[in-house]
Amino acid sequence: QVQLVESGGGLVQPGGSLTLSCATSGVVFNTDMMAWYRQVPGKQREFVARIEPSGATAYADSVNGRFTISRDWIKRTIYLQMNSLEPEDTAVYYCNDITWSYWGQGTQVTVSS
C-alpha cells in the first residue's frame, strides 16, 4: 500500500523560498511517476510538477524556472524546492503517485508579507 506524507509548508514572504517534502512508503521510484499538485479553496487542483521513473521532469508554466522537483532514493522522499515565491503560489500542496492515483494529505503554503 502506498502512503504519502507531506511536510515543510508554512508562511513565507514574497520572494522567499521553501522546500516541501513527501515521505513515501510503498512507492517504487523506478516505475512510479510522482508529482506535486496544489489547490486553492474554490478552485480545481492544478498540476505543479512531476518526475518520471527515468528522472525526467516537467513543470507548469506558472512555476517553471522557480520550482524544482527531485527525489532521494535512500530517504524515499520527493522534494519540491520553491524559490521566488509569489502570493499566487499560496495553496495547499499535495504529493501524488500518478501511477497508482494515491494522494497525500496536503501541506499549506502561504506567501504573504
N, C-alpha and C. Protein backbone atom coordinates (compact mmCIF):
# COMPACT_ATOMS: atom_id res chain seq x y z
N GLN A 1 0.85 -1.19 0.00
CA GLN A 1 0.00 0.00 0.00
C GLN A 1 0.88 1.24 0.00
N VAL A 2 0.50 2.21 -0.81
CA VAL A 2 1.26 3.45 -0.92
C VAL A 2 0.79 4.44 0.14
N GLN A 3 1.76 5.05 0.82
CA GLN A 3 1.46 6.14 1.76
C GLN A 3 2.36 7.32 1.43
N LEU A 4 1.76 8.50 1.45
CA LEU A 4 2.47 9.74 1.14
C LEU A 4 2.20 10.74 2.25
N VAL A 5 3.26 11.31 2.82
CA VAL A 5 3.11 12.27 3.91
C VAL A 5 3.91 13.52 3.58
N GLU A 6 3.20 14.63 3.35
CA GLU A 6 3.85 15.89 3.02
C GLU A 6 4.23 16.66 4.29
N SER A 7 5.26 17.46 4.17
CA SER A 7 5.68 18.36 5.25
C SER A 7 6.46 19.52 4.64
N GLY A 8 6.71 20.53 5.48
CA GLY A 8 7.54 21.64 5.03
C GLY A 8 6.78 22.91 4.68
N GLY A 9 5.46 22.86 4.71
CA GLY A 9 4.69 24.06 4.41
C GLY A 9 4.81 25.09 5.51
N GLY A 10 4.31 26.28 5.23
CA GLY A 10 4.37 27.35 6.22
C GLY A 10 4.12 28.70 5.61
N LEU A 11 4.43 29.72 6.38
CA LEU A 11 4.26 31.11 5.95
C LEU A 11 5.61 31.65 5.51
N VAL A 12 5.65 32.26 4.34
CA VAL A 12 6.89 32.82 3.80
C VAL A 12 6.58 34.14 3.11
N GLN A 13 7.53 35.05 3.13
CA GLN A 13 7.33 36.34 2.49
C GLN A 13 7.52 36.23 0.98
N PRO A 14 6.89 37.12 0.23
CA PRO A 14 7.12 37.13 -1.23
C PRO A 14 8.60 37.24 -1.55
N GLY A 15 9.04 36.44 -2.53
CA GLY A 15 10.44 36.39 -2.89
C GLY A 15 11.23 35.36 -2.12
N GLY A 16 10.62 34.77 -1.12
CA GLY A 16 11.30 33.79 -0.28
C GLY A 16 11.28 32.40 -0.89
N SER A 17 11.86 31.46 -0.13
CA SER A 17 11.97 30.08 -0.59
C SER A 17 11.43 29.12 0.45
N LEU A 18 11.03 27.96 -0.02
CA LEU A 18 10.51 26.91 0.85
C LEU A 18 10.74 25.58 0.16
N THR A 19 11.02 24.55 0.94
CA THR A 19 11.17 23.20 0.39
C THR A 19 10.14 22.28 1.02
N LEU A 20 9.32 21.69 0.18
CA LEU A 20 8.34 20.69 0.63
C LEU A 20 8.93 19.30 0.49
N SER A 21 8.55 18.43 1.41
CA SER A 21 8.98 17.03 1.37
C SER A 21 7.76 16.13 1.33
N CYS A 22 7.91 15.01 0.65
CA CYS A 22 6.87 13.99 0.59
C CYS A 22 7.53 12.66 0.94
N ALA A 23 7.35 12.23 2.18
CA ALA A 23 7.89 10.95 2.61
C ALA A 23 6.99 9.84 2.09
N THR A 24 7.60 8.85 1.46
CA THR A 24 6.81 7.80 0.81
C THR A 24 7.07 6.43 1.42
N SER A 25 6.07 5.59 1.31
CA SER A 25 6.24 4.15 1.56
C SER A 25 5.40 3.42 0.54
N GLY A 26 5.91 2.32 0.05
CA GLY A 26 5.20 1.55 -0.96
C GLY A 26 5.37 2.07 -2.37
N VAL A 27 6.11 3.17 -2.54
CA VAL A 27 6.34 3.72 -3.87
C VAL A 27 7.59 3.09 -4.46
N VAL A 28 7.49 2.68 -5.71
CA VAL A 28 8.63 2.12 -6.43
C VAL A 28 9.15 3.21 -7.36
N PHE A 29 10.25 3.85 -6.99
CA PHE A 29 10.71 5.03 -7.71
C PHE A 29 11.08 4.73 -9.17
N ASN A 30 11.48 3.50 -9.45
CA ASN A 30 11.90 3.24 -10.83
C ASN A 30 10.74 2.83 -11.72
N THR A 31 9.51 2.81 -11.18
CA THR A 31 8.34 2.54 -12.02
C THR A 31 7.21 3.55 -11.82
N ASP A 32 7.17 4.22 -10.67
CA ASP A 32 6.07 5.14 -10.38
C ASP A 32 6.40 6.57 -10.77
N MET A 33 5.46 7.23 -11.42
CA MET A 33 5.58 8.63 -11.74
C MET A 33 5.02 9.43 -10.56
N MET A 34 5.77 10.40 -10.07
CA MET A 34 5.37 11.17 -8.90
C MET A 34 5.17 12.64 -9.28
N ALA A 35 4.31 13.32 -8.54
CA ALA A 35 4.02 14.71 -8.89
C ALA A 35 3.62 15.52 -7.66
N TRP A 36 3.66 16.81 -7.84
CA TRP A 36 3.11 17.76 -6.88
C TRP A 36 1.96 18.50 -7.57
N TYR A 37 0.87 18.66 -6.83
CA TYR A 37 -0.26 19.45 -7.27
C TYR A 37 -0.55 20.49 -6.17
N ARG A 38 -1.37 21.46 -6.49
CA ARG A 38 -1.78 22.44 -5.47
C ARG A 38 -3.23 22.83 -5.69
N GLN A 39 -3.85 23.29 -4.61
CA GLN A 39 -5.27 23.65 -4.70
C GLN A 39 -5.57 24.84 -3.81
N VAL A 40 -6.31 25.77 -4.37
CA VAL A 40 -6.81 26.93 -3.66
C VAL A 40 -8.30 26.71 -3.41
N PRO A 41 -8.82 27.09 -2.25
CA PRO A 41 -10.25 26.88 -1.98
C PRO A 41 -11.12 27.44 -3.10
N GLY A 42 -12.07 26.63 -3.54
CA GLY A 42 -12.98 27.05 -4.59
C GLY A 42 -12.49 26.83 -6.00
N LYS A 43 -11.25 26.33 -6.13
CA LYS A 43 -10.69 26.08 -7.45
C LYS A 43 -10.28 24.62 -7.59
N GLN A 44 -10.11 24.19 -8.83
CA GLN A 44 -9.67 22.82 -9.08
C GLN A 44 -8.21 22.64 -8.70
N ARG A 45 -7.89 21.42 -8.32
CA ARG A 45 -6.50 21.09 -8.04
C ARG A 45 -5.72 21.20 -9.35
N GLU A 46 -4.54 21.83 -9.29
CA GLU A 46 -3.77 22.03 -10.52
C GLU A 46 -2.39 21.40 -10.42
N PHE A 47 -1.92 20.97 -11.56
CA PHE A 47 -0.60 20.35 -11.68
C PHE A 47 0.49 21.39 -11.43
N VAL A 48 1.53 20.98 -10.71
CA VAL A 48 2.68 21.84 -10.45
C VAL A 48 3.94 21.28 -11.10
N ALA A 49 4.26 20.02 -10.79
CA ALA A 49 5.49 19.42 -11.31
C ALA A 49 5.39 17.92 -11.21
N ARG A 50 6.16 17.23 -12.06
CA ARG A 50 6.21 15.77 -11.98
C ARG A 50 7.63 15.30 -12.25
N ILE A 51 7.92 14.10 -11.75
CA ILE A 51 9.19 13.46 -12.04
C ILE A 51 8.89 12.03 -12.47
N GLU A 52 9.42 11.64 -13.61
CA GLU A 52 9.15 10.34 -14.20
C GLU A 52 10.14 9.31 -13.67
N PRO A 53 9.85 8.03 -13.86
CA PRO A 53 10.80 6.99 -13.40
C PRO A 53 12.20 7.19 -13.97
N SER A 54 12.28 7.74 -15.18
CA SER A 54 13.58 7.98 -15.81
C SER A 54 14.35 9.12 -15.16
N GLY A 55 13.63 9.94 -14.38
CA GLY A 55 14.23 11.13 -13.79
C GLY A 55 13.88 12.40 -14.54
N ALA A 56 13.24 12.27 -15.69
CA ALA A 56 12.81 13.44 -16.44
C ALA A 56 11.76 14.20 -15.64
N THR A 57 11.78 15.51 -15.78
CA THR A 57 10.86 16.37 -15.01
C THR A 57 10.04 17.26 -15.95
N ALA A 58 8.92 17.72 -15.45
CA ALA A 58 8.07 18.65 -16.19
C ALA A 58 7.41 19.58 -15.18
N TYR A 59 7.13 20.81 -15.64
CA TYR A 59 6.59 21.83 -14.75
C TYR A 59 5.45 22.59 -15.40
N ALA A 60 4.56 23.10 -14.56
CA ALA A 60 3.55 24.02 -15.03
C ALA A 60 4.24 25.32 -15.45
N ASP A 61 3.68 25.99 -16.43
CA ASP A 61 4.29 27.24 -16.91
C ASP A 61 4.44 28.26 -15.80
N SER A 62 3.49 28.26 -14.88
CA SER A 62 3.47 29.27 -13.82
C SER A 62 4.61 29.11 -12.82
N VAL A 63 5.24 27.93 -12.76
CA VAL A 63 6.32 27.71 -11.79
C VAL A 63 7.64 27.36 -12.46
N ASN A 64 7.63 27.18 -13.76
CA ASN A 64 8.85 26.80 -14.48
C ASN A 64 9.94 27.84 -14.27
N GLY A 65 11.12 27.36 -13.87
CA GLY A 65 12.23 28.25 -13.60
C GLY A 65 12.32 28.69 -12.15
N ARG A 66 11.26 28.46 -11.38
CA ARG A 66 11.25 28.84 -9.96
C ARG A 66 11.20 27.63 -9.03
N PHE A 67 10.54 26.55 -9.47
CA PHE A 67 10.37 25.35 -8.66
C PHE A 67 11.21 24.22 -9.24
N THR A 68 11.66 23.32 -8.36
CA THR A 68 12.42 22.16 -8.79
C THR A 68 11.93 20.93 -8.04
N ILE A 69 11.54 19.90 -8.78
CA ILE A 69 11.14 18.63 -8.17
C ILE A 69 12.33 17.68 -8.21
N SER A 70 12.50 16.91 -7.13
CA SER A 70 13.61 15.96 -7.08
C SER A 70 13.22 14.79 -6.18
N ARG A 71 14.07 13.78 -6.15
CA ARG A 71 13.78 12.61 -5.31
C ARG A 71 15.07 12.10 -4.70
N ASP A 72 14.93 11.50 -3.54
CA ASP A 72 16.07 10.89 -2.84
C ASP A 72 15.73 9.41 -2.67
N TRP A 73 16.48 8.56 -3.38
CA TRP A 73 16.19 7.13 -3.37
C TRP A 73 16.41 6.52 -1.98
N ILE A 74 17.42 6.99 -1.29
CA ILE A 74 17.73 6.40 0.02
C ILE A 74 16.69 6.81 1.06
N LYS A 75 16.32 8.09 1.05
CA LYS A 75 15.33 8.58 2.01
C LYS A 75 13.89 8.31 1.56
N ARG A 76 13.72 7.82 0.35
CA ARG A 76 12.39 7.53 -0.19
C ARG A 76 11.50 8.77 -0.13
N THR A 77 12.05 9.88 -0.52
CA THR A 77 11.36 11.15 -0.38
C THR A 77 11.38 11.94 -1.69
N ILE A 78 10.26 12.60 -1.97
CA ILE A 78 10.13 13.52 -3.10
C ILE A 78 10.17 14.94 -2.54
N TYR A 79 10.87 15.82 -3.22
CA TYR A 79 11.00 17.20 -2.76
C TYR A 79 10.45 18.17 -3.79
N LEU A 80 10.03 19.33 -3.32
CA LEU A 80 9.69 20.44 -4.19
C LEU A 80 10.37 21.68 -3.63
N GLN A 81 11.45 22.09 -4.30
CA GLN A 81 12.14 23.31 -3.91
C GLN A 81 11.45 24.46 -4.60
N MET A 82 11.00 25.44 -3.80
CA MET A 82 10.25 26.56 -4.35
C MET A 82 11.00 27.85 -4.06
N ASN A 83 11.39 28.55 -5.10
CA ASN A 83 12.11 29.82 -4.98
C ASN A 83 11.27 30.96 -5.56
N SER A 84 11.67 32.17 -5.22
CA SER A 84 10.98 33.37 -5.74
C SER A 84 9.47 33.26 -5.58
N LEU A 85 9.05 32.88 -4.41
CA LEU A 85 7.62 32.64 -4.18
C LEU A 85 6.81 33.92 -4.31
N GLU A 86 5.60 33.75 -4.83
CA GLU A 86 4.67 34.84 -5.08
C GLU A 86 3.38 34.58 -4.31
N PRO A 87 2.63 35.63 -3.98
CA PRO A 87 1.35 35.41 -3.29
C PRO A 87 0.44 34.42 -4.04
N GLU A 88 0.56 34.41 -5.36
CA GLU A 88 -0.26 33.49 -6.17
C GLU A 88 0.12 32.03 -5.98
N ASP A 89 1.23 31.77 -5.32
CA ASP A 89 1.63 30.39 -5.03
C ASP A 89 0.96 29.86 -3.76
N THR A 90 0.24 30.70 -3.06
CA THR A 90 -0.47 30.28 -1.85
C THR A 90 -1.49 29.21 -2.18
N ALA A 91 -1.39 28.07 -1.51
CA ALA A 91 -2.28 26.93 -1.79
C ALA A 91 -1.94 25.80 -0.83
N VAL A 92 -2.77 24.78 -0.86
CA VAL A 92 -2.42 23.51 -0.22
C VAL A 92 -1.72 22.68 -1.29
N TYR A 93 -0.54 22.19 -0.96
CA TYR A 93 0.27 21.41 -1.89
C TYR A 93 0.15 19.92 -1.56
N TYR A 94 -0.11 19.13 -2.61
CA TYR A 94 -0.32 17.69 -2.44
C TYR A 94 0.72 16.91 -3.22
N CYS A 95 1.19 15.85 -2.61
CA CYS A 95 2.05 14.88 -3.27
C CYS A 95 1.16 13.81 -3.91
N ASN A 96 1.53 13.38 -5.10
CA ASN A 96 0.69 12.43 -5.85
C ASN A 96 1.52 11.34 -6.49
N ASP A 97 1.11 10.10 -6.28
CA ASP A 97 1.65 8.98 -7.05
C ASP A 97 0.73 8.83 -8.26
N ILE A 98 1.17 9.35 -9.40
CA ILE A 98 0.34 9.35 -10.59
C ILE A 98 0.02 7.93 -11.03
N THR A 99 0.99 7.05 -10.93
CA THR A 99 0.85 5.69 -11.44
C THR A 99 -0.29 4.95 -10.76
N TRP A 100 -0.44 5.11 -9.44
CA TRP A 100 -1.45 4.39 -8.68
C TRP A 100 -2.53 5.29 -8.12
N SER A 101 -2.50 6.58 -8.44
CA SER A 101 -3.54 7.53 -8.01
C SER A 101 -3.66 7.63 -6.49
N TYR A 102 -2.54 7.69 -5.81
CA TYR A 102 -2.55 7.93 -4.37
C TYR A 102 -2.21 9.40 -4.11
N TRP A 103 -2.82 9.94 -3.05
CA TRP A 103 -2.59 11.32 -2.67
C TRP A 103 -2.18 11.40 -1.20
N GLY A 104 -1.37 12.41 -0.90
CA GLY A 104 -1.08 12.72 0.49
C GLY A 104 -2.17 13.61 1.05
N GLN A 105 -1.98 14.03 2.32
CA GLN A 105 -3.00 14.83 2.99
C GLN A 105 -2.85 16.32 2.72
N GLY A 106 -1.72 16.71 2.17
CA GLY A 106 -1.50 18.11 1.81
C GLY A 106 -0.78 18.91 2.88
N THR A 107 -0.10 19.96 2.45
CA THR A 107 0.57 20.88 3.37
C THR A 107 0.34 22.30 2.88
N GLN A 108 -0.01 23.19 3.80
CA GLN A 108 -0.38 24.56 3.45
C GLN A 108 0.87 25.42 3.23
N VAL A 109 0.86 26.14 2.12
CA VAL A 109 1.89 27.13 1.84
C VAL A 109 1.21 28.49 1.70
N THR A 110 1.65 29.45 2.49
CA THR A 110 1.09 30.79 2.43
C THR A 110 2.21 31.78 2.16
N VAL A 111 2.05 32.56 1.08
CA VAL A 111 3.04 33.56 0.71
C VAL A 111 2.41 34.93 0.95
N SER A 112 2.93 35.62 1.95
CA SER A 112 2.32 36.89 2.34
C SER A 112 3.32 37.71 3.12
N SER A 113 3.22 39.03 2.98
CA SER A 113 4.06 39.92 3.78
C SER A 113 3.34 40.34 5.05
